Amino acid sequence: MLQGLRQNEDSSKFHLEYLRFEIKTFDKVMLRRKVLLGEKLDFVEDSEIEGETKKGDEANLVKIVFR
C-alpha cells in the first residue's frame, strides 16, 4: 500500500483510504492493549458515545482529526 502511495502521491482518495486503514489498525492495537491490561471492554458504537471521553481516550484525537 505504501508503494501505491508513493506512485500516486497526487491521489487524495488513496491518501484518505490509507488514513482509514491506519485508524482501523490503531483501534485494533488499542483494543489489544485493553485486553492485555485486563480492562473491562465496552462494546458500544462510537456514534452512541459522541463527545464523551473516558480515562485513556486521549488517543481519540486521531479520530477527531479524521472527521
PDB file of N, CA and C in Angstrom:
ATOM      1  N   MET A   1       0.830  -1.184   0.000  1.00  0.00           N
ATOM      2  CA  MET A   1       0.000   0.000   0.000  1.00  0.00           C
ATOM      3  C   MET A   1       0.881   1.257   0.000  1.00  0.00           C
ATOM      4  N   LEU A   2       1.978   1.205   0.750  1.00  0.00           N
ATOM      5  CA  LEU A   2       2.869   2.363   0.780  1.00  0.00           C
ATOM      6  C   LEU A   2       3.503   2.612  -0.579  1.00  0.00           C
ATOM      7  N   GLN A   3       3.776   1.544  -1.302  1.00  0.00           N
ATOM      8  CA  GLN A   3       4.329   1.706  -2.648  1.00  0.00           C
ATOM      9  C   GLN A   3       3.304   2.400  -3.553  1.00  0.00           C
ATOM     10  N   GLY A   4       2.037   2.038  -3.408  1.00  0.00           N
ATOM     11  CA  GLY A   4       0.985   2.696  -4.168  1.00  0.00           C
ATOM     12  C   GLY A   4       0.870   4.171  -3.829  1.00  0.00           C
ATOM     13  N   LEU A   5       1.045   4.506  -2.542  1.00  0.00           N
ATOM     14  CA  LEU A   5       1.021   5.915  -2.132  1.00  0.00           C
ATOM     15  C   LEU A   5       2.169   6.690  -2.765  1.00  0.00           C
ATOM     16  N   ARG A   6       3.344   6.068  -2.806  1.00  0.00           N
ATOM     17  CA  ARG A   6       4.491   6.753  -3.395  1.00  0.00           C
ATOM     18  C   ARG A   6       4.296   6.990  -4.890  1.00  0.00           C
ATOM     19  N   GLN A   7       3.676   6.038  -5.570  1.00  0.00           N
ATOM     20  CA  GLN A   7       3.482   6.164  -7.013  1.00  0.00           C
ATOM     21  C   GLN A   7       2.330   7.083  -7.364  1.00  0.00           C
ATOM     22  N   ASN A   8       1.379   7.235  -6.464  1.00  0.00           N
ATOM     23  CA  ASN A   8       0.199   8.079  -6.707  1.00  0.00           C
ATOM     24  C   ASN A   8       0.105   9.174  -5.648  1.00  0.00           C
ATOM     25  N   GLU A   9       1.140   9.935  -5.491  1.00  0.00           N
ATOM     26  CA  GLU A   9       1.164  10.916  -4.412  1.00  0.00           C
ATOM     27  C   GLU A   9       0.170  12.056  -4.595  1.00  0.00           C
ATOM     28  N   ASP A  10      -0.417  12.213  -5.771  1.00  0.00           N
ATOM     29  CA  ASP A  10      -1.411  13.261  -6.002  1.00  0.00           C
ATOM     30  C   ASP A  10      -2.846  12.785  -5.775  1.00  0.00           C
ATOM     31  N   SER A  11      -3.030  11.506  -5.496  1.00  0.00           N
ATOM     32  CA  SER A  11      -4.365  10.930  -5.338  1.00  0.00           C
ATOM     33  C   SER A  11      -4.869  11.125  -3.906  1.00  0.00           C
ATOM     34  N   SER A  12      -5.818  12.041  -3.738  1.00  0.00           N
ATOM     35  CA  SER A  12      -6.349  12.295  -2.395  1.00  0.00           C
ATOM     36  C   SER A  12      -7.181  11.111  -1.890  1.00  0.00           C
ATOM     37  N   LYS A  13      -7.855  10.398  -2.791  1.00  0.00           N
ATOM     38  CA  LYS A  13      -8.640   9.225  -2.377  1.00  0.00           C
ATOM     39  C   LYS A  13      -7.733   8.140  -1.801  1.00  0.00           C
ATOM     40  N   PHE A  14      -6.593   7.957  -2.426  1.00  0.00           N
ATOM     41  CA  PHE A  14      -5.647   6.954  -1.956  1.00  0.00           C
ATOM     42  C   PHE A  14      -5.160   7.298  -0.547  1.00  0.00           C
ATOM     43  N   HIS A  15      -4.852   8.562  -0.327  1.00  0.00           N
ATOM     44  CA  HIS A  15      -4.393   9.001   0.989  1.00  0.00           C
ATOM     45  C   HIS A  15      -5.486   8.863   2.034  1.00  0.00           C
ATOM     46  N   LEU A  16      -6.722   9.145   1.662  1.00  0.00           N
ATOM     47  CA  LEU A  16      -7.840   9.007   2.589  1.00  0.00           C
ATOM     48  C   LEU A  16      -8.046   7.549   2.976  1.00  0.00           C
ATOM     49  N   GLU A  17      -7.976   6.647   2.015  1.00  0.00           N
ATOM     50  CA  GLU A  17      -8.139   5.224   2.313  1.00  0.00           C
ATOM     51  C   GLU A  17      -6.990   4.707   3.172  1.00  0.00           C
ATOM     52  N   TYR A  18      -5.807   5.205   2.941  1.00  0.00           N
ATOM     53  CA  TYR A  18      -4.674   4.808   3.769  1.00  0.00           C
ATOM     54  C   TYR A  18      -4.869   5.293   5.201  1.00  0.00           C
ATOM     55  N   LEU A  19      -5.397   6.505   5.369  1.00  0.00           N
ATOM     56  CA  LEU A  19      -5.681   7.014   6.707  1.00  0.00           C
ATOM     57  C   LEU A  19      -6.726   6.146   7.400  1.00  0.00           C
ATOM     58  N   ARG A  20      -7.753   5.737   6.674  1.00  0.00           N
ATOM     59  CA  ARG A  20      -8.765   4.839   7.258  1.00  0.00           C
ATOM     60  C   ARG A  20      -8.134   3.524   7.703  1.00  0.00           C
ATOM     61  N   PHE A  21      -7.252   2.986   6.865  1.00  0.00           N
ATOM     62  CA  PHE A  21      -6.547   1.751   7.205  1.00  0.00           C
ATOM     63  C   PHE A  21      -5.729   1.934   8.481  1.00  0.00           C
ATOM     64  N   GLU A  22      -5.011   3.048   8.578  1.00  0.00           N
ATOM     65  CA  GLU A  22      -4.189   3.319   9.762  1.00  0.00           C
ATOM     66  C   GLU A  22      -5.049   3.462  11.013  1.00  0.00           C
ATOM     67  N   ILE A  23      -6.197   4.105  10.901  1.00  0.00           N
ATOM     68  CA  ILE A  23      -7.081   4.282  12.060  1.00  0.00           C
ATOM     69  C   ILE A  23      -7.638   2.946  12.516  1.00  0.00           C
ATOM     70  N   LYS A  24      -8.032   2.082  11.576  1.00  0.00           N
ATOM     71  CA  LYS A  24      -8.524   0.754  11.957  1.00  0.00           C
ATOM     72  C   LYS A  24      -7.431  -0.055  12.639  1.00  0.00           C
ATOM     73  N   THR A  25      -6.215   0.041  12.133  1.00  0.00           N
ATOM     74  CA  THR A  25      -5.094  -0.662  12.749  1.00  0.00           C
ATOM     75  C   THR A  25      -4.850  -0.124  14.154  1.00  0.00           C
ATOM     76  N   PHE A  26      -4.904   1.193  14.308  1.00  0.00           N
ATOM     77  CA  PHE A  26      -4.721   1.816  15.614  1.00  0.00           C
ATOM     78  C   PHE A  26      -5.801   1.361  16.592  1.00  0.00           C
ATOM     79  N   ASP A  27      -7.048   1.284  16.145  1.00  0.00           N
ATOM     80  CA  ASP A  27      -8.138   0.816  17.003  1.00  0.00           C
ATOM     81  C   ASP A  27      -7.893  -0.608  17.483  1.00  0.00           C
ATOM     82  N   LYS A  28      -7.401  -1.460  16.589  1.00  0.00           N
ATOM     83  CA  LYS A  28      -7.116  -2.849  16.961  1.00  0.00           C
ATOM     84  C   LYS A  28      -5.999  -2.920  17.998  1.00  0.00           C
ATOM     85  N   VAL A  29      -4.981  -2.105  17.832  1.00  0.00           N
ATOM     86  CA  VAL A  29      -3.877  -2.084  18.787  1.00  0.00           C
ATOM     87  C   VAL A  29      -4.377  -1.624  20.155  1.00  0.00           C
ATOM     88  N   MET A  30      -5.207  -0.592  20.169  1.00  0.00           N
ATOM     89  CA  MET A  30      -5.740  -0.088  21.443  1.00  0.00           C
ATOM     90  C   MET A  30      -6.636  -1.134  22.117  1.00  0.00           C
ATOM     91  N   LEU A  31      -7.427  -1.871  21.334  1.00  0.00           N
ATOM     92  CA  LEU A  31      -8.272  -2.924  21.892  1.00  0.00           C
ATOM     93  C   LEU A  31      -7.411  -4.035  22.475  1.00  0.00           C
ATOM     94  N   ARG A  32      -6.364  -4.428  21.768  1.00  0.00           N
ATOM     95  CA  ARG A  32      -5.461  -5.463  22.284  1.00  0.00           C
ATOM     96  C   ARG A  32      -4.780  -5.000  23.565  1.00  0.00           C
ATOM     97  N   ARG A  33      -4.453  -3.718  23.615  1.00  0.00           N
ATOM     98  CA  ARG A  33      -3.824  -3.168  24.816  1.00  0.00           C
ATOM     99  C   ARG A  33      -4.770  -3.282  26.007  1.00  0.00           C
ATOM    100  N   LYS A  34      -6.038  -2.971  25.777  1.00  0.00           N
ATOM    101  CA  LYS A  34      -7.024  -3.086  26.858  1.00  0.00           C
ATOM    102  C   LYS A  34      -7.150  -4.522  27.323  1.00  0.00           C
ATOM    103  N   VAL A  35      -7.148  -5.464  26.385  1.00  0.00           N
ATOM    104  CA  VAL A  35      -7.264  -6.879  26.736  1.00  0.00           C
ATOM    105  C   VAL A  35      -6.051  -7.311  27.564  1.00  0.00           C
ATOM    106  N   LEU A  36      -4.863  -6.920  27.127  1.00  0.00           N
ATOM    107  CA  LEU A  36      -3.645  -7.303  27.840  1.00  0.00           C
ATOM    108  C   LEU A  36      -3.557  -6.686  29.225  1.00  0.00           C
ATOM    109  N   LEU A  37      -4.092  -5.490  29.381  1.00  0.00           N
ATOM    110  CA  LEU A  37      -4.073  -4.830  30.685  1.00  0.00           C
ATOM    111  C   LEU A  37      -5.210  -5.285  31.589  1.00  0.00           C
ATOM    112  N   GLY A  38      -6.108  -6.099  31.055  1.00  0.00           N
ATOM    113  CA  GLY A  38      -7.207  -6.634  31.844  1.00  0.00           C
ATOM    114  C   GLY A  38      -8.332  -5.652  32.083  1.00  0.00           C
ATOM    115  N   GLU A  39      -8.440  -4.636  31.263  1.00  0.00           N
ATOM    116  CA  GLU A  39      -9.511  -3.656  31.421  1.00  0.00           C
ATOM    117  C   GLU A  39     -10.832  -4.228  30.924  1.00  0.00           C
ATOM    118  N   LYS A  40     -11.905  -3.723  31.484  1.00  0.00           N
ATOM    119  CA  LYS A  40     -13.232  -4.138  31.046  1.00  0.00           C
ATOM    120  C   LYS A  40     -13.487  -3.563  29.660  1.00  0.00           C
ATOM    121  N   LEU A  41     -13.926  -4.413  28.743  1.00  0.00           N
ATOM    122  CA  LEU A  41     -14.187  -3.963  27.381  1.00  0.00           C
ATOM    123  C   LEU A  41     -15.620  -3.488  27.260  1.00  0.00           C
ATOM    124  N   ASP A  42     -15.799  -2.392  26.556  1.00  0.00           N
ATOM    125  CA  ASP A  42     -17.110  -1.785  26.365  1.00  0.00           C
ATOM    126  C   ASP A  42     -17.406  -1.789  24.869  1.00  0.00           C
ATOM    127  N   PHE A  43     -18.368  -2.586  24.438  1.00  0.00           N
ATOM    128  CA  PHE A  43     -18.671  -2.712  23.020  1.00  0.00           C
ATOM    129  C   PHE A  43     -19.843  -1.814  22.637  1.00  0.00           C
ATOM    130  N   VAL A  44     -19.627  -0.515  22.746  1.00  0.00           N
ATOM    131  CA  VAL A  44     -20.627   0.479  22.392  1.00  0.00           C
ATOM    132  C   VAL A  44     -20.147   1.184  21.136  1.00  0.00           C
ATOM    133  N   GLU A  45     -21.058   1.417  20.196  1.00  0.00           N
ATOM    134  CA  GLU A  45     -20.694   2.103  18.959  1.00  0.00           C
ATOM    135  C   GLU A  45     -20.254   3.527  19.257  1.00  0.00           C
ATOM    136  N   ASP A  46     -19.311   4.029  18.452  1.00  0.00           N
ATOM    137  CA  ASP A  46     -18.809   5.398  18.630  1.00  0.00           C
ATOM    138  C   ASP A  46     -19.916   6.429  18.512  1.00  0.00           C
ATOM    139  N   SER A  47     -20.916   6.178  17.654  1.00  0.00           N
ATOM    140  CA  SER A  47     -21.979   7.155  17.454  1.00  0.00           C
ATOM    141  C   SER A  47     -22.848   7.317  18.699  1.00  0.00           C
ATOM    142  N   GLU A  48     -22.874   6.280  19.561  1.00  0.00           N
ATOM    143  CA  GLU A  48     -23.693   6.356  20.769  1.00  0.00           C
ATOM    144  C   GLU A  48     -23.026   7.168  21.872  1.00  0.00           C
ATOM    145  N   ILE A  49     -21.704   7.280  21.832  1.00  0.00           N
ATOM    146  CA  ILE A  49     -20.997   7.996  22.891  1.00  0.00           C
ATOM    147  C   ILE A  49     -20.299   9.227  22.337  1.00  0.00           C
ATOM    148  N   GLU A  50     -20.865   9.843  21.333  1.00  0.00           N
ATOM    149  CA  GLU A  50     -20.281  11.011  20.676  1.00  0.00           C
ATOM    150  C   GLU A  50     -19.999  12.103  21.697  1.00  0.00           C
ATOM    151  N   GLY A  51     -18.775  12.559  21.746  1.00  0.00           N
ATOM    152  CA  GLY A  51     -18.410  13.650  22.626  1.00  0.00           C
ATOM    153  C   GLY A  51     -17.972  13.234  24.015  1.00  0.00           C
ATOM    154  N   GLU A  52     -18.255  11.994  24.442  1.00  0.00           N
ATOM    155  CA  GLU A  52     -17.838  11.539  25.758  1.00  0.00           C
ATOM    156  C   GLU A  52     -16.364  11.167  25.731  1.00  0.00           C
ATOM    157  N   THR A  53     -15.692  11.417  26.812  1.00  0.00           N
ATOM    158  CA  THR A  53     -14.308  10.968  26.934  1.00  0.00           C
ATOM    159  C   THR A  53     -14.161  10.190  28.224  1.00  0.00           C
ATOM    160  N   LYS A  54     -13.362   9.146  28.161  1.00  0.00           N
ATOM    161  CA  LYS A  54     -13.106   8.307  29.322  1.00  0.00           C
ATOM    162  C   LYS A  54     -11.614   8.265  29.567  1.00  0.00           C
ATOM    163  N   LYS A  55     -11.240   7.727  30.706  1.00  0.00           N
ATOM    164  CA  LYS A  55      -9.822   7.586  31.022  1.00  0.00           C
ATOM    165  C   LYS A  55      -9.148   6.741  29.932  1.00  0.00           C
ATOM    166  N   GLY A  56      -8.052   7.230  29.390  1.00  0.00           N
ATOM    167  CA  GLY A  56      -7.336   6.503  28.348  1.00  0.00           C
ATOM    168  C   GLY A  56      -7.811   6.809  26.948  1.00  0.00           C
ATOM    169  N   ASP A  57      -8.754   7.724  26.796  1.00  0.00           N
ATOM    170  CA  ASP A  57      -9.293   8.049  25.472  1.00  0.00           C
ATOM    171  C   ASP A  57      -8.556   9.200  24.799  1.00  0.00           C
ATOM    172  N   GLU A  58      -7.375   9.530  25.300  1.00  0.00           N
ATOM    173  CA  GLU A  58      -6.634  10.617  24.663  1.00  0.00           C
ATOM    174  C   GLU A  58      -6.264  10.252  23.228  1.00  0.00           C
ATOM    175  N   ALA A  59      -6.308   8.967  22.884  1.00  0.00           N
ATOM    176  CA  ALA A  59      -5.999   8.524  21.532  1.00  0.00           C
ATOM    177  C   ALA A  59      -7.126   8.863  20.552  1.00  0.00           C
ATOM    178  N   ASN A  60      -8.255   9.302  21.041  1.00  0.00           N
ATOM    179  CA  ASN A  60      -9.365   9.667  20.175  1.00  0.00           C
ATOM    180  C   ASN A  60      -9.058  10.906  19.340  1.00  0.00           C
ATOM    181  N   LEU A  61      -7.971  11.576  19.635  1.00  0.00           N
ATOM    182  CA  LEU A  61      -7.576  12.738  18.858  1.00  0.00           C
ATOM    183  C   LEU A  61      -7.426  12.365  17.380  1.00  0.00           C
ATOM    184  N   VAL A  62      -6.924  11.178  17.111  1.00  0.00           N
ATOM    185  CA  VAL A  62      -6.766  10.716  15.723  1.00  0.00           C
ATOM    186  C   VAL A  62      -8.128  10.647  15.047  1.00  0.00           C
ATOM    187  N   LYS A  63      -9.132  10.134  15.732  1.00  0.00           N
ATOM    188  CA  LYS A  63     -10.472  10.030  15.163  1.00  0.00           C
ATOM    189  C   LYS A  63     -11.079  11.416  14.933  1.00  0.00           C
ATOM    190  N   ILE A  64     -10.827  12.328  15.849  1.00  0.00           N
ATOM    191  CA  ILE A  64     -11.368  13.684  15.705  1.00  0.00           C
ATOM    192  C   ILE A  64     -10.759  14.372  14.499  1.00  0.00           C
ATOM    193  N   VAL A  65      -9.446  14.237  14.324  1.00  0.00           N
ATOM    194  CA  VAL A  65      -8.777  14.836  13.183  1.00  0.00           C
ATOM    195  C   VAL A  65      -9.298  14.240  11.887  1.00  0.00           C
ATOM    196  N   PHE A  66      -9.556  12.930  11.888  1.00  0.00           N
ATOM    197  CA  PHE A  66     -10.068  12.267  10.693  1.00  0.00           C
ATOM    198  C   PHE A  66     -11.436  12.806  10.301  1.00  0.00           C
ATOM    199  N   ARG A  67     -12.293  13.044  11.292  1.00  0.00           N
ATOM    200  CA  ARG A  67     -13.642  13.542  10.995  1.00  0.00           C
ATOM    201  C   ARG A  67     -13.550  14.945  10.461  1.00  0.00           C
TER     202      ARG A  67
END
